[in-house]
C-alpha cells in the first residue's frame, strides 16, 4: 500500500496541470507588481528622493516631517471620521433596505435598480453631482429658502468644520445600494423554515433579525466589510471632485496627500512615506482580523 501511495503522488502533483501552468503569469505578475512595488516603495520612503527616485538614505526624516505636517494629521483625522461613519451607516442603511426589500414588495426589481444605480457612476460624477446639490446658491439650501425658510442654512462643502460630512453624504449615496444588494442576497439565503419557527415560538421580528438572522449572515457581513474598507482607504475621487481638499486643507485625505506630493510637489520621498503609513494602517486592521478569522478556526 505504501508503494502504491508513493507512486500516486506525482499524479496528484500534476493534476490540472494546464490550469496551473496558465495561472503562472498571473501569479508572477501579482508577486512582482504588488510585493515588488510595495518593497520598492518602503525602501525609497527612507530616501531623499525628489523628482526622481534615488538611493540617498536619510533614515526616518521623511516620517518625522510627515507626522509634523498639519496637512497629514488632518488627512488621517478625516479618514478616521469618514471611515467609521461610512462603515456604520452603510451597513445599517443597507441592511434595513435589504430587510424591507425582502418582504416581497411590489416593483422590487425597479426599486433595486434605483438603489443600485448610483454605484454604476464613477466617483468623479458622483462628486460633481453632489457638489451641485450641496451648493448654497442653487442646491438644497436655495430650494428650501425659496419655499419660505429664509434662515435655513445647509452648506457643508463650504464649512471647514463639517465639510467631511458633505463628502460622507455623497459616499453613502453611491455605495449603500451595493451593500443593500449584498445583504439582500444573504437574506434570501436564509431558510424560510427559520422564520416559520420564530413566528411559532412568538419571537419578535427584531429579535429574529438580531439574534438569529444576522449571526447566520456572518460571511456576508465580512465580505461587505472588506469591500467597504477597501473603498474607504483609497477615497480620493470624491474629495477632488467636490472640494479639491478645501476649504483650505479641511477635507484632505491620505490618498490625495500622496498624489500631491508625488506628482505635484515632486517630493517622492515624502509621498512614499505617506504611502507606507497607509499600508501600515491597513496591516494593523487586516492582520488581527485575519488571525481571528482563520487562526481561531485552526485551533478549533
Protein backbone atom coordinates (compact mmCIF):
# COMPACT_ATOMS: atom_id res chain seq x y z
CA UNK A 1 0.00 0.00 0.00
CA UNK A 2 2.88 2.34 0.80
CA UNK A 3 4.46 1.75 -2.59
CA UNK A 4 1.14 2.44 -4.32
CA UNK A 5 0.70 5.66 -2.36
CA UNK A 6 4.17 6.88 -3.29
CA UNK A 7 3.53 6.00 -6.92
CA UNK A 8 0.36 8.06 -6.93
CA UNK A 9 1.89 11.24 -5.51
CA UNK A 10 3.20 12.54 -8.84
CA UNK A 11 -0.30 12.18 -10.25
CA UNK A 12 -1.64 14.47 -7.50
CA UNK A 13 1.10 17.00 -8.21
CA UNK A 14 0.34 17.12 -11.93
CA UNK A 15 -3.45 17.19 -11.64
CA UNK A 16 -4.99 20.11 -13.54
CA UNK A 17 -1.54 20.83 -14.90
CA UNK A 18 -2.83 23.04 -17.71
CA UNK A 19 -4.72 25.25 -15.26
CA UNK A 20 -1.66 25.53 -13.03
CA UNK A 21 0.58 26.49 -15.94
CA UNK A 22 -1.97 29.04 -17.15
CA UNK A 23 -2.04 30.66 -13.70
CA UNK A 24 1.75 31.14 -13.52
CA UNK A 25 1.78 34.51 -15.40
CA UNK A 26 -0.95 35.87 -13.15
CA UNK A 27 0.86 34.71 -10.00
CA UNK A 28 4.18 36.15 -11.16
CA UNK A 29 2.52 39.43 -12.12
CA UNK A 30 0.85 39.71 -8.71
CA UNK A 31 4.06 38.88 -6.86
CA UNK A 32 6.28 41.18 -8.92
CA UNK A 33 3.91 44.14 -9.13
CA UNK A 34 2.30 44.01 -5.69
CA UNK A 35 5.06 42.63 -3.49
CA UNK A 36 7.89 44.16 -5.50
CA UNK A 37 6.18 47.53 -5.75
CA UNK A 38 5.43 47.51 -2.03
CA UNK A 39 9.03 46.75 -1.06
CA UNK A 40 10.30 49.36 -3.53
CA UNK A 41 8.01 52.00 -2.01
CA UNK A 42 9.07 51.15 1.55
CA UNK A 43 12.77 51.27 0.69
CA UNK A 44 12.56 54.62 -1.08
CA UNK A 45 10.48 56.10 1.75
CA UNK A 46 13.77 56.25 3.69
CA UNK A 47 15.47 58.30 0.95
CA UNK A 48 15.57 61.95 -0.02
CA UNK A 49 14.03 61.31 -3.46
CA UNK A 50 12.60 64.38 -5.15
CA UNK A 51 11.63 64.45 -8.83
CA UNK A 52 13.23 61.05 -9.49
CA UNK A 53 13.89 58.16 -7.08
CA UNK A 54 17.46 57.95 -5.79
CA UNK A 55 19.10 55.88 -3.09
CA UNK A 56 20.09 58.76 -0.83
CA UNK A 57 19.10 57.43 2.58
CA UNK A 58 18.02 59.89 5.27
CA UNK A 59 16.69 57.45 7.88
CA UNK A 60 13.33 58.37 9.39
CA UNK A 61 13.49 62.04 8.33
CA UNK A 62 10.59 61.68 5.89
CA UNK A 63 8.40 60.12 8.57
CA UNK A 64 9.28 62.85 11.06
CA UNK A 65 8.32 65.51 8.51
CA UNK A 66 5.16 63.57 7.69
CA UNK A 67 3.83 63.44 11.24
CA UNK A 68 4.88 67.02 11.88
CA UNK A 69 2.78 68.20 8.92
CA UNK A 70 -0.64 69.58 9.86
CA UNK A 71 -1.98 68.54 6.47
CA UNK A 72 -1.18 64.87 7.16
CA UNK A 73 -2.77 64.85 10.62
CA UNK A 74 -5.88 66.50 9.17
CA UNK A 75 -5.92 63.81 6.45
CA UNK A 76 -5.73 60.98 8.99
CA UNK A 77 -8.46 62.56 11.13
CA UNK A 78 -10.74 62.97 8.12
CA UNK A 79 -10.15 59.39 7.01
CA UNK A 80 -10.97 58.11 10.51
CA UNK A 81 -14.22 60.11 10.66
CA UNK A 82 -15.21 59.19 7.12
CA UNK A 83 -14.28 55.54 7.61
CA UNK A 84 -16.08 54.91 10.89
CA UNK A 85 -19.27 56.68 9.82
CA UNK A 86 -19.25 55.02 6.40
CA UNK A 87 -18.97 51.57 7.97
CA UNK A 88 -21.76 52.23 10.46
CA UNK A 89 -24.26 53.99 8.20
CA UNK A 90 -23.71 51.92 5.07
CA UNK A 91 -24.18 48.66 6.99
CA UNK A 92 -27.22 49.89 8.92
CA UNK A 93 -28.95 51.58 5.99
CA UNK A 94 -28.04 48.78 3.59
CA UNK A 95 -29.36 46.09 5.92
CA UNK A 96 -32.58 47.97 6.67
CA UNK A 97 -33.24 48.49 2.95
CA UNK A 98 -32.49 44.84 2.27
CA UNK A 99 -34.86 43.74 5.05
CA UNK A 100 -37.61 45.91 3.55
CA UNK A 101 -36.94 44.58 0.06
CA UNK A 102 -37.04 41.03 1.40
CA UNK A 103 -40.72 41.45 2.21
CA UNK A 104 -41.59 40.63 -1.44
CA UNK A 105 -42.78 44.17 -2.14
CA UNK A 106 -44.24 45.20 -5.48
CA UNK A 107 -41.87 46.61 -8.09
CA UNK A 108 -38.94 45.11 -6.21
CA UNK A 109 -36.76 44.96 -9.33
CA UNK A 110 -37.43 48.64 -10.04
CA UNK A 111 -36.51 49.74 -6.52
CA UNK A 112 -33.44 47.53 -6.51
CA UNK A 113 -32.27 49.10 -9.76
CA UNK A 114 -32.88 52.62 -8.43
CA UNK A 115 -30.90 51.97 -5.25
CA UNK A 116 -28.05 50.26 -7.10
CA UNK A 117 -27.83 52.77 -9.97
CA UNK A 118 -25.54 55.27 -8.14
CA UNK A 119 -22.91 52.55 -7.76
CA UNK A 120 -22.65 52.38 -11.56
CA UNK A 121 -21.48 56.00 -11.64
CA UNK A 122 -17.85 56.96 -11.24
CA UNK A 123 -16.81 58.77 -8.06
CA UNK A 124 -15.98 61.84 -10.14
CA UNK A 125 -19.55 62.02 -11.47
CA UNK A 126 -20.98 61.41 -8.01
CA UNK A 127 -18.78 64.14 -6.54
CA UNK A 128 -19.77 66.66 -9.20
CA UNK A 129 -23.47 65.84 -8.77
CA UNK A 130 -23.33 66.33 -5.00
CA UNK A 131 -21.21 69.42 -5.37
CA UNK A 132 -24.14 70.91 -7.28
CA UNK A 133 -26.77 69.53 -4.86
CA UNK A 134 -24.95 70.96 -1.83
CA UNK A 135 -24.12 74.28 -3.45
CA UNK A 136 -25.81 77.03 -1.36
CA UNK A 137 -26.50 79.16 -4.45
CA UNK A 138 -28.71 76.68 -6.32
CA UNK A 139 -28.76 73.45 -4.29
CA UNK A 140 -30.74 72.24 -1.28
CA UNK A 141 -30.25 75.46 0.66
CA UNK A 142 -31.55 77.60 -2.21
CA UNK A 143 -34.59 75.34 -2.75
CA UNK A 144 -35.59 75.36 0.93
CA UNK A 145 -35.16 79.13 1.19
CA UNK A 146 -37.35 79.61 -1.90
CA UNK A 147 -40.10 77.75 -0.02
CA UNK A 148 -40.11 80.38 2.73
CA UNK A 149 -37.48 79.22 5.24
CA UNK A 150 -35.13 82.11 4.51
CA UNK A 151 -32.90 81.43 7.52
CA UNK A 152 -32.22 77.83 6.55
CA UNK A 153 -28.50 77.09 6.12
CA UNK A 154 -27.03 73.93 4.64
CA UNK A 155 -23.62 74.37 3.04
CA UNK A 156 -21.38 71.55 4.35
CA UNK A 157 -18.89 71.79 1.48
CA UNK A 158 -18.17 75.43 2.34
CA UNK A 159 -17.86 74.96 6.09
CA UNK A 160 -14.46 73.69 7.22
CA UNK A 161 -15.93 72.19 10.41
CA UNK A 162 -18.39 69.87 8.65
CA UNK A 163 -17.01 69.50 5.12
CA UNK A 164 -16.07 65.85 5.65
CA UNK A 165 -19.74 65.09 6.36
CA UNK A 166 -20.71 66.56 2.99
CA UNK A 167 -18.30 64.12 1.36
CA UNK A 168 -19.74 61.35 3.54
CA UNK A 169 -23.24 62.02 2.16
CA UNK A 170 -22.03 61.53 -1.40
CA UNK A 171 -20.14 58.37 -0.47
CA UNK A 172 -23.16 56.83 1.24
CA UNK A 173 -25.42 57.73 -1.67
CA UNK A 174 -23.15 55.85 -4.07
CA UNK A 175 -22.17 52.82 -2.00
CA UNK A 176 -25.24 51.95 0.08
CA UNK A 177 -27.05 50.35 -2.88
CA UNK A 178 -24.30 47.75 -3.29
CA UNK A 179 -24.42 46.96 0.43
CA UNK A 180 -28.20 46.54 0.15
CA UNK A 181 -27.82 44.03 -2.70
CA UNK A 182 -25.21 42.02 -0.81
CA UNK A 183 -27.39 41.94 2.29
CA UNK A 184 -30.47 41.03 0.25
CA UNK A 185 -28.61 38.09 -1.28
CA UNK A 186 -27.70 36.96 2.23
CA UNK A 187 -31.27 37.30 3.47
CA UNK A 188 -32.60 35.31 0.50
CA UNK A 189 -30.23 32.51 1.52
CA UNK A 190 -31.89 32.13 4.94
CA UNK A 191 -34.12 29.06 5.14
CA UNK A 192 -37.79 30.03 5.30
CA UNK A 193 -38.37 27.39 7.99
CA UNK A 194 -36.36 29.52 10.40
CA UNK A 195 -38.84 32.37 10.02
CA UNK A 196 -41.77 30.00 10.49
CA UNK A 197 -40.24 28.54 13.65
CA UNK A 198 -39.59 32.02 15.04
CA UNK A 199 -43.22 33.01 14.46
CA UNK A 200 -44.48 29.81 16.09
CA UNK A 201 -42.30 30.50 19.14
CA UNK A 202 -43.61 34.07 19.30
CA UNK A 203 -40.18 35.67 18.82
CA UNK A 204 -40.48 39.34 17.78
CA UNK A 205 -39.23 40.16 14.29
CA UNK A 206 -36.45 42.45 15.52
CA UNK A 207 -35.13 39.72 17.83
CA UNK A 208 -35.21 37.22 14.97
CA UNK A 209 -33.07 39.54 12.89
CA UNK A 210 -30.73 40.46 15.72
CA UNK A 211 -30.11 37.05 17.34
CA UNK A 212 -30.78 34.56 14.54
CA UNK A 213 -30.56 36.05 11.04
CA UNK A 214 -27.59 38.40 11.45
CA UNK A 215 -25.33 35.73 13.07
CA UNK A 216 -26.20 33.40 10.18
CA UNK A 217 -25.11 36.10 7.73
CA UNK A 218 -21.63 36.42 9.21
CA UNK A 219 -19.88 35.59 5.92
CA UNK A 220 -21.92 38.21 4.07
CA UNK A 221 -21.05 40.86 6.65
CA UNK A 222 -17.34 40.01 6.44
CA UNK A 223 -17.36 40.28 2.64
CA UNK A 224 -19.24 43.57 2.81
CA UNK A 225 -16.85 45.00 5.40
CA UNK A 226 -13.84 44.15 3.22
CA UNK A 227 -15.43 45.85 0.20
CA UNK A 228 -16.38 48.95 2.18
CA UNK A 229 -12.98 49.18 3.90
CA UNK A 230 -11.11 48.96 0.59
CA UNK A 231 -13.14 51.88 -0.71
CA UNK A 232 -12.54 53.93 2.43
CA UNK A 233 -8.75 53.64 2.37
CA UNK A 234 -8.48 54.74 -1.26
CA UNK A 235 -11.07 57.52 -1.16
CA UNK A 236 -9.76 60.23 -3.45
CA UNK A 237 -12.07 60.96 -6.37
CA UNK A 238 -14.95 62.22 -4.24
CA UNK A 239 -12.73 64.71 -2.44
CA UNK A 240 -11.14 66.02 -5.63
CA UNK A 241 -14.50 66.37 -7.41
CA UNK A 242 -16.31 68.03 -4.50
CA UNK A 243 -13.79 70.20 -2.70
CA UNK A 244 -10.24 69.59 -4.03
CA UNK A 245 -9.26 69.26 -0.38
CA UNK A 246 -10.77 72.57 0.71
CA UNK A 247 -11.80 74.82 2.27
CA UNK A 248 -8.08 75.22 2.87
CA UNK A 249 -6.97 71.72 3.90
CA UNK A 250 -10.15 70.87 5.79
CA UNK A 251 -11.13 67.90 3.58
CA UNK A 252 -7.70 66.45 2.82
CA UNK A 253 -7.37 62.65 2.81
CA UNK A 254 -4.23 60.46 2.75
CA UNK A 255 -4.62 59.33 -0.87
CA UNK A 256 -4.73 62.95 -2.04
CA UNK A 257 -1.75 63.80 0.15
CA UNK A 258 0.26 61.02 -1.50
CA UNK A 259 -0.75 62.07 -5.02
CA UNK A 260 0.00 65.74 -4.45
CA UNK A 261 3.47 65.13 -3.01
CA UNK A 262 4.47 62.57 -5.61
CA UNK A 263 3.19 64.28 -8.75
CA UNK A 264 2.77 67.97 -7.92
CA UNK A 265 5.24 68.82 -5.17
CA UNK A 266 7.77 66.43 -6.79
CA UNK A 267 8.76 65.04 -3.41
CA UNK A 268 8.75 61.27 -3.97
CA UNK A 269 10.33 60.50 -0.60
CA UNK A 270 7.50 62.21 1.29
CA UNK A 271 4.88 60.58 -0.93
CA UNK A 272 6.45 57.14 -0.39
CA UNK A 273 6.49 57.70 3.38
CA UNK A 274 2.79 58.59 3.35
CA UNK A 275 2.04 55.53 1.20
CA UNK A 276 3.94 53.31 3.63
CA UNK A 277 1.96 54.69 6.57
CA UNK A 278 -1.27 53.91 4.72
CA UNK A 279 -0.01 50.36 4.19
CA UNK A 280 0.88 50.02 7.89
CA UNK A 281 -2.58 51.29 8.86
CA UNK A 282 -4.26 48.70 6.65
CA UNK A 283 -1.99 45.96 8.05
CA UNK A 284 -2.87 46.93 11.63
CA UNK A 285 -6.53 46.37 10.77
CA UNK A 286 -6.20 43.33 8.50
CA UNK A 287 -3.69 41.21 10.45
CA UNK A 288 -5.73 40.93 13.69
CA UNK A 289 -8.88 40.26 11.66
CA UNK A 290 -7.16 37.54 9.61
CA UNK A 291 -5.78 35.97 12.80
CA UNK A 292 -9.21 35.88 14.43
CA UNK A 293 -10.91 34.73 11.23
CA UNK A 294 -8.53 31.92 10.26
CA UNK A 295 -6.23 31.29 13.22
CA UNK A 296 -9.15 30.69 15.60
CA UNK A 297 -10.70 28.17 13.22
CA UNK A 298 -7.49 26.17 13.01
CA UNK A 299 -7.23 25.94 16.78
CA UNK A 300 -10.88 24.86 16.98
